[in-house]
C-alpha atoms as a PDB file:
ATOM      1  CA  MET A   1     -13.192  11.853   3.739  1.00  0.00           C
ATOM      2  CA  LEU A   2     -13.289  14.470   0.983  1.00  0.00           C
ATOM      3  CA  HIS A   3     -16.541  16.338   0.360  1.00  0.00           C
ATOM      4  CA  SER A   4     -17.421  18.678  -2.500  1.00  0.00           C
ATOM      5  CA  TRP A   5     -19.955  18.946  -5.304  1.00  0.00           C
ATOM      6  CA  CYS A   6     -22.575  17.524  -2.905  1.00  0.00           C
ATOM      7  CA  LYS A   7     -20.669  14.226  -2.800  1.00  0.00           C
ATOM      8  CA  SER A   8     -18.249  12.552  -0.391  1.00  0.00           C
ATOM      9  CA  ARG A   9     -15.548   9.961  -1.060  1.00  0.00           C
ATOM     10  CA  PRO A  10     -12.907   8.324   1.151  1.00  0.00           C
ATOM     11  CA  TYR A  11      -9.258   8.787   0.176  1.00  0.00           C
ATOM     12  CA  THR A  12      -6.027   7.969   1.981  1.00  0.00           C
ATOM     13  CA  PRO A  13      -3.361  10.672   2.220  1.00  0.00           C
ATOM     14  CA  ILE A  14       0.068   9.402   1.197  1.00  0.00           C
ATOM     15  CA  THR A  15       1.965  12.366   2.674  1.00  0.00           C
ATOM     16  CA  TRP A  16       0.977  15.241   4.906  1.00  0.00           C
ATOM     17  CA  THR A  17       2.302  18.215   6.791  1.00  0.00           C
ATOM     18  CA  HIS A  18       0.619  20.886   8.902  1.00  0.00           C
ATOM     19  CA  LYS A  19       0.010  22.845   5.680  1.00  0.00           C
ATOM     20  CA  SER A  20      -0.782  20.231   3.048  1.00  0.00           C
ATOM     21  CA  LEU A  21      -2.189  16.805   2.226  1.00  0.00           C
ATOM     22  CA  VAL A  22      -1.274  14.688  -0.797  1.00  0.00           C
ATOM     23  CA  PHE A  23      -3.805  12.061  -1.891  1.00  0.00           C
ATOM     24  CA  LEU A  24      -3.401   9.187  -4.304  1.00  0.00           C
ATOM     25  CA  VAL A  25      -6.447   9.385  -6.571  1.00  0.00           C
ATOM     26  CA  LYS A  26      -7.237   6.897  -9.315  1.00  0.00           C
ATOM     27  CA  VAL A  27      -9.214   8.704 -11.995  1.00  0.00           C
ATOM     28  CA  TYR A  28     -11.994   6.646 -13.519  1.00  0.00           C
ATOM     29  CA  LYS A  29     -13.492   7.714 -16.861  1.00  0.00           C
ATOM     30  CA  ARG A  30     -16.986   7.588 -15.354  1.00  0.00           C
ATOM     31  CA  GLY A  31     -15.844   8.433 -11.831  1.00  0.00           C
ATOM     32  CA  GLU A  32     -17.826  11.557 -11.058  1.00  0.00           C
ATOM     33  CA  PHE A  33     -15.792  12.576  -8.023  1.00  0.00           C
ATOM     34  CA  SER A  34     -12.317  11.661  -9.292  1.00  0.00           C
ATOM     35  CA  VAL A  35     -12.894  13.456 -12.608  1.00  0.00           C
ATOM     36  CA  ARG A  36     -14.065  16.567 -10.760  1.00  0.00           C
ATOM     37  CA  LEU A  37     -11.000  16.423  -8.491  1.00  0.00           C
ATOM     38  CA  THR A  38      -8.750  16.216 -11.547  1.00  0.00           C
ATOM     39  CA  ASN A  39     -10.455  19.181 -13.185  1.00  0.00           C
ATOM     40  CA  ALA A  40     -10.781  21.315 -10.031  1.00  0.00           C
ATOM     41  CA  SER A  41      -9.198  24.724 -10.312  1.00  0.00           C
ATOM     42  CA  ILE A  42      -6.835  26.279  -7.808  1.00  0.00           C
ATOM     43  CA  GLY A  43      -8.941  27.869  -5.100  1.00  0.00           C
ATOM     44  CA  SER A  44     -11.731  25.290  -5.274  1.00  0.00           C
ATOM     45  CA  THR A  45     -13.122  24.338  -1.881  1.00  0.00           C
ATOM     46  CA  ILE A  46     -12.952  20.708  -0.829  1.00  0.00           C
ATOM     47  CA  ASP A  47     -13.931  19.858   2.742  1.00  0.00           C
ATOM     48  CA  VAL A  48     -11.828  17.272   4.555  1.00  0.00           C
ATOM     49  CA  ARG A  49     -12.875  15.149   7.501  1.00  0.00           C
ATOM     50  CA  GLY A  50     -10.661  12.681   9.313  1.00  0.00           C
ATOM     51  CA  PRO A  51      -8.313  10.980   9.486  1.00  0.00           C
ATOM     52  CA  TYR A  52     -10.032   7.761  10.493  1.00  0.00           C
ATOM     53  CA  GLY A  53      -8.567   4.462  11.663  1.00  0.00           C
ATOM     54  CA  ASP A  54      -6.925   3.010  14.690  1.00  0.00           C
ATOM     55  CA  PHE A  55      -3.534   1.833  13.416  1.00  0.00           C
ATOM     56  CA  LYS A  56      -0.556   2.915  15.493  1.00  0.00           C
ATOM     57  CA  TYR A  57       2.985   1.697  14.942  1.00  0.00           C
ATOM     58  CA  LYS A  58       5.595   1.789  17.702  1.00  0.00           C
ATOM     59  CA  ASN A  59       9.231   2.180  16.638  1.00  0.00           C
ATOM     60  CA  ASN A  60      11.195  -1.100  16.476  1.00  0.00           C
ATOM     61  CA  SER A  61       8.285  -3.136  17.863  1.00  0.00           C
ATOM     62  CA  PHE A  62       8.663  -5.852  15.190  1.00  0.00           C
ATOM     63  CA  GLN A  63      11.594  -7.440  13.363  1.00  0.00           C
ATOM     64  CA  GLN A  64       9.655  -7.552  10.106  1.00  0.00           C
ATOM     65  CA  VAL A  65       6.615  -5.817   8.637  1.00  0.00           C
ATOM     66  CA  VAL A  66       5.084  -7.555   5.629  1.00  0.00           C
ATOM     67  CA  MET A  67       2.493  -5.578   3.695  1.00  0.00           C
ATOM     68  CA  PHE A  68      -0.004  -7.111   1.281  1.00  0.00           C
ATOM     69  CA  GLY A  69      -1.990  -4.742  -0.903  1.00  0.00           C
ATOM     70  CA  ILE A  70      -3.760  -4.602  -4.215  1.00  0.00           C
ATOM     71  CA  GLY A  71      -4.704  -1.605  -6.318  1.00  0.00           C
ATOM     72  CA  SER A  72      -5.314   1.601  -4.427  1.00  0.00           C
ATOM     73  CA  GLY A  73      -4.602  -0.236  -1.166  1.00  0.00           C
ATOM     74  CA  ILE A  74      -1.017   0.853  -1.668  1.00  0.00           C
ATOM     75  CA  ALA A  75      -2.089   4.341  -0.510  1.00  0.00           C
ATOM     76  CA  ALA A  76      -2.495   3.122   3.090  1.00  0.00           C
ATOM     77  CA  LEU A  77       0.679   0.985   3.073  1.00  0.00           C
ATOM     78  CA  TYR A  78       3.152   3.394   1.471  1.00  0.00           C
ATOM     79  CA  PRO A  79       3.140   6.039   4.271  1.00  0.00           C
ATOM     80  CA  VAL A  80       3.793   3.358   6.907  1.00  0.00           C
ATOM     81  CA  ALA A  81       6.681   1.910   4.891  1.00  0.00           C
ATOM     82  CA  LYS A  82       8.131   5.387   4.294  1.00  0.00           C
ATOM     83  CA  ALA A  83       7.897   6.326   7.966  1.00  0.00           C
ATOM     84  CA  ILE A  84       9.756   3.177   8.999  1.00  0.00           C
ATOM     85  CA  VAL A  85      12.448   3.569   6.343  1.00  0.00           C
ATOM     86  CA  ASP A  86      12.924   7.304   7.014  1.00  0.00           C
ATOM     87  CA  ASP A  87      13.524   6.693  10.747  1.00  0.00           C
ATOM     88  CA  GLU A  88      17.289   6.214  11.187  1.00  0.00           C
ATOM     89  CA  THR A  89      16.760   4.514  14.556  1.00  0.00           C
ATOM     90  CA  GLU A  90      14.441   1.908  13.042  1.00  0.00           C
ATOM     91  CA  SER A  91      15.830  -1.599  12.480  1.00  0.00           C
ATOM     92  CA  THR A  92      12.579  -3.195  11.299  1.00  0.00           C
ATOM     93  CA  ARG A  93      12.664  -4.688   7.805  1.00  0.00           C
ATOM     94  CA  VAL A  94       9.726  -3.930   5.497  1.00  0.00           C
ATOM     95  CA  HIS A  95       8.533  -6.050   2.602  1.00  0.00           C
ATOM     96  CA  LEU A  96       5.753  -4.510   0.510  1.00  0.00           C
ATOM     97  CA  VAL A  97       3.950  -6.983  -1.750  1.00  0.00           C
ATOM     98  CA  ALA A  98       1.614  -5.106  -4.090  1.00  0.00           C
ATOM     99  CA  GLY A  99      -0.650  -6.642  -6.701  1.00  0.00           C
ATOM    100  CA  PHE A 100      -1.616  -4.948  -9.950  1.00  0.00           C
ATOM    101  CA  GLN A 101      -2.631  -5.996 -13.446  1.00  0.00           C
ATOM    102  CA  SER A 102       0.401  -4.471 -15.125  1.00  0.00           C
ATOM    103  CA  LEU A 103       3.320  -2.143 -14.543  1.00  0.00           C
ATOM    104  CA  ALA A 104       1.354   0.703 -16.125  1.00  0.00           C
ATOM    105  CA  GLN A 105      -1.147   0.479 -13.236  1.00  0.00           C
ATOM    106  CA  VAL A 106       1.453   0.732 -10.458  1.00  0.00           C
ATOM    107  CA  PRO A 107       1.206   4.143  -8.765  1.00  0.00           C
ATOM    108  CA  LEU A 108       4.050   5.719  -6.771  1.00  0.00           C
ATOM    109  CA  LYS A 109       6.793   4.069  -8.847  1.00  0.00           C
ATOM    110  CA  THR A 110       9.193   6.960  -8.248  1.00  0.00           C
ATOM    111  CA  GLU A 111       8.513   7.000  -4.505  1.00  0.00           C
ATOM    112  CA  LEU A 112       8.911   3.211  -4.250  1.00  0.00           C
ATOM    113  CA  ARG A 113      12.188   3.339  -6.193  1.00  0.00           C
ATOM    114  CA  GLN A 114      13.514   5.746  -3.568  1.00  0.00           C
ATOM    115  CA  LEU A 115      12.556   3.351  -0.776  1.00  0.00           C
ATOM    116  CA  VAL A 116      14.201   0.285  -2.390  1.00  0.00           C
ATOM    117  CA  ASN A 117      17.553   2.083  -2.035  1.00  0.00           C
ATOM    118  CA  TYR A 118      17.363   1.493   1.735  1.00  0.00           C
ATOM    119  CA  TRP A 119      18.694  -1.693   3.338  1.00  0.00           C
ATOM    120  CA  ASN A 120      15.495  -2.395   5.256  1.00  0.00           C
ATOM    121  CA  PHE A 121      12.954  -2.097   2.422  1.00  0.00           C
ATOM    122  CA  LYS A 122      12.026  -4.606  -0.255  1.00  0.00           C
ATOM    123  CA  CYS A 123       9.214  -4.330  -2.807  1.00  0.00           C
ATOM    124  CA  THR A 124       7.643  -7.140  -4.782  1.00  0.00           C
ATOM    125  CA  LEU A 125       5.179  -6.351  -7.538  1.00  0.00           C
ATOM    126  CA  GLN A 126       2.773  -9.173  -8.217  1.00  0.00           C
ATOM    127  CA  LEU A 127       1.602  -8.480 -11.797  1.00  0.00           C
ATOM    128  CA  SER A 128      -1.253 -10.529 -13.211  1.00  0.00           C
ATOM    129  CA  GLN A 129      -0.272  -9.523 -16.779  1.00  0.00           C
ATOM    130  CA  LEU A 130       3.514  -9.723 -16.501  1.00  0.00           C
ATOM    131  CA  ASN A 131       5.570  -9.959 -19.685  1.00  0.00           C
ATOM    132  CA  ASP A 132       9.102  -9.057 -20.836  1.00  0.00           C
ATOM    133  CA  LYS A 133       7.982  -5.576 -21.848  1.00  0.00           C
ATOM    134  CA  ASN A 134       6.748  -4.916 -18.291  1.00  0.00           C
ATOM    135  CA  THR A 135      10.002  -5.893 -16.640  1.00  0.00           C
ATOM    136  CA  ALA A 136      12.255  -3.634 -18.706  1.00  0.00           C
ATOM    137  CA  SER A 137      11.901  -0.629 -16.400  1.00  0.00           C
ATOM    138  CA  LEU A 138      11.604  -2.366 -13.029  1.00  0.00           C
ATOM    139  CA  HIS A 139      15.114  -1.826 -11.680  1.00  0.00           C
ATOM    140  CA  GLY A 140      15.132  -2.385  -7.938  1.00  0.00           C
ATOM    141  CA  PHE A 141      11.802  -4.209  -7.764  1.00  0.00           C
ATOM    142  CA  ASN A 142      11.161  -7.937  -7.510  1.00  0.00           C
ATOM    143  CA  THR A 143       8.403  -9.042  -9.888  1.00  0.00           C
ATOM    144  CA  ARG A 144       6.253 -12.136  -9.997  1.00  0.00           C
ATOM    145  CA  ALA A 145       3.631 -13.157 -12.479  1.00  0.00           C
ATOM    146  CA  GLY A 146       0.050 -13.942 -11.546  1.00  0.00           C
ATOM    147  CA  ARG A 147      -2.560 -12.678  -9.143  1.00  0.00           C
ATOM    148  CA  LEU A 148      -1.659 -12.509  -5.484  1.00  0.00           C
ATOM    149  CA  SER A 149      -2.916 -15.871  -4.191  1.00  0.00           C
ATOM    150  CA  LYS A 150      -2.796 -18.034  -1.087  1.00  0.00           C
ATOM    151  CA  LEU A 151       0.286 -19.861  -2.408  1.00  0.00           C
ATOM    152  CA  HIS A 152       2.084 -16.549  -2.946  1.00  0.00           C
ATOM    153  CA  VAL A 153       1.199 -15.293   0.546  1.00  0.00           C
ATOM    154  CA  ILE A 154       2.450 -18.549   2.091  1.00  0.00           C
ATOM    155  CA  ASP A 155       5.654 -18.292   0.069  1.00  0.00           C
ATOM    156  CA  TYR A 156       6.286 -14.672   1.106  1.00  0.00           C
ATOM    157  CA  LEU A 157       5.777 -15.500   4.783  1.00  0.00           C
ATOM    158  CA  GLN A 158       7.381 -18.928   5.111  1.00  0.00           C
ATOM    159  CA  SER A 159      10.688 -17.710   6.565  1.00  0.00           C
ATOM    160  CA  ASN A 160       9.274 -15.114   8.993  1.00  0.00           C
ATOM    161  CA  ASP A 161       8.683 -15.608  12.704  1.00  0.00           C
ATOM    162  CA  THR A 162       4.976 -15.597  13.563  1.00  0.00           C
ATOM    163  CA  GLU A 163       5.481 -13.628  16.796  1.00  0.00           C
ATOM    164  CA  THR A 164       7.889 -10.896  15.614  1.00  0.00           C
ATOM    165  CA  THR A 165       6.255 -10.140  12.235  1.00  0.00           C
ATOM    166  CA  LEU A 166       3.503  -7.581  11.726  1.00  0.00           C
ATOM    167  CA  ILE A 167       1.233  -8.178   8.730  1.00  0.00           C
ATOM    168  CA  LEU A 168      -0.569  -5.203   7.172  1.00  0.00           C
ATOM    169  CA  ILE A 169      -3.314  -5.771   4.579  1.00  0.00           C
ATOM    170  CA  CYS A 170      -5.148  -3.292   2.319  1.00  0.00           C
ATOM    171  CA  GLY A 171      -7.288  -3.953  -0.726  1.00  0.00           C
ATOM    172  CA  THR A 172     -10.854  -4.848  -1.589  1.00  0.00           C
ATOM    173  CA  PRO A 173     -13.049  -6.283   1.193  1.00  0.00           C
ATOM    174  CA  GLU A 174     -12.799  -9.729  -0.457  1.00  0.00           C
ATOM    175  CA  PHE A 175      -8.994  -9.527  -0.726  1.00  0.00           C
ATOM    176  CA  ASN A 176      -8.677  -8.347   2.879  1.00  0.00           C
ATOM    177  CA  GLN A 177     -10.847 -11.192   4.205  1.00  0.00           C
ATOM    178  CA  SER A 178      -9.181 -13.929   2.151  1.00  0.00           C
ATOM    179  CA  THR A 179      -5.679 -12.734   2.961  1.00  0.00           C
ATOM    180  CA  ARG A 180      -6.486 -12.525   6.681  1.00  0.00           C
ATOM    181  CA  GLU A 181      -7.804 -16.093   6.647  1.00  0.00           C
ATOM    182  CA  TRP A 182      -4.704 -17.417   4.873  1.00  0.00           C
ATOM    183  CA  ILE A 183      -2.406 -15.667   7.323  1.00  0.00           C
ATOM    184  CA  GLU A 184      -4.389 -16.774  10.373  1.00  0.00           C
ATOM    185  CA  GLU A 185      -4.025 -20.378   9.153  1.00  0.00           C
ATOM    186  CA  MET A 186      -0.249 -19.817   9.442  1.00  0.00           C
ATOM    187  CA  ASN A 187      -0.678 -18.713  13.093  1.00  0.00           C
ATOM    188  CA  TYR A 188       0.587 -15.147  12.705  1.00  0.00           C
ATOM    189  CA  ALA A 189      -0.242 -13.188  15.845  1.00  0.00           C
ATOM    190  CA  HIS A 190      -0.116  -9.589  14.601  1.00  0.00           C
ATOM    191  CA  ILE A 191      -2.413  -8.702  11.673  1.00  0.00           C
ATOM    192  CA  HIS A 192      -3.939  -5.322  10.851  1.00  0.00           C
ATOM    193  CA  ILE A 193      -6.365  -4.615   8.005  1.00  0.00           C
ATOM    194  CA  PHE A 194      -6.856  -1.120   6.647  1.00  0.00           C
ATOM    195  CA  ASP A 195     -10.571  -0.997   5.749  1.00  0.00           C
END
């Protein structure tokens, strides 16, 4: 939770060390807090509280981790994917399925391109406004047209084992609830939602 200018907003760090935190912040034209963050000068004070959440991942505890996210939900999923891929002892395969309107709205493209170079990471971008112009600079990514729907989720999961696959979900409350329901209908045992 970041607090400054008499306001507080939740953000997810995408990388961190003992000395720094990096946040993914979508700047909205009328977003009071995000605009102030963008315009903050070096030396500005921003209070940080957290982190919050109860997700813990144990090395090699699943054969497959499938991540479903939309929009800024990628901020919670990316660090988990990176941690798995960066661990040389990890044999778990990761498939990140991220939904956006267009390629222009996909954050962390450079970081995701680095991850797709690893044998155990795959990224699918589900773009609701996909066209030939969008796909020109998507080397290394799978792309599919349309909003992330129940049929897409079923298709992405159809060849995975329900007991050895971990499903991670992060998006809007409506997306999280719908996706959980679809996956529970398929009898997956291990589901975690980042709220």
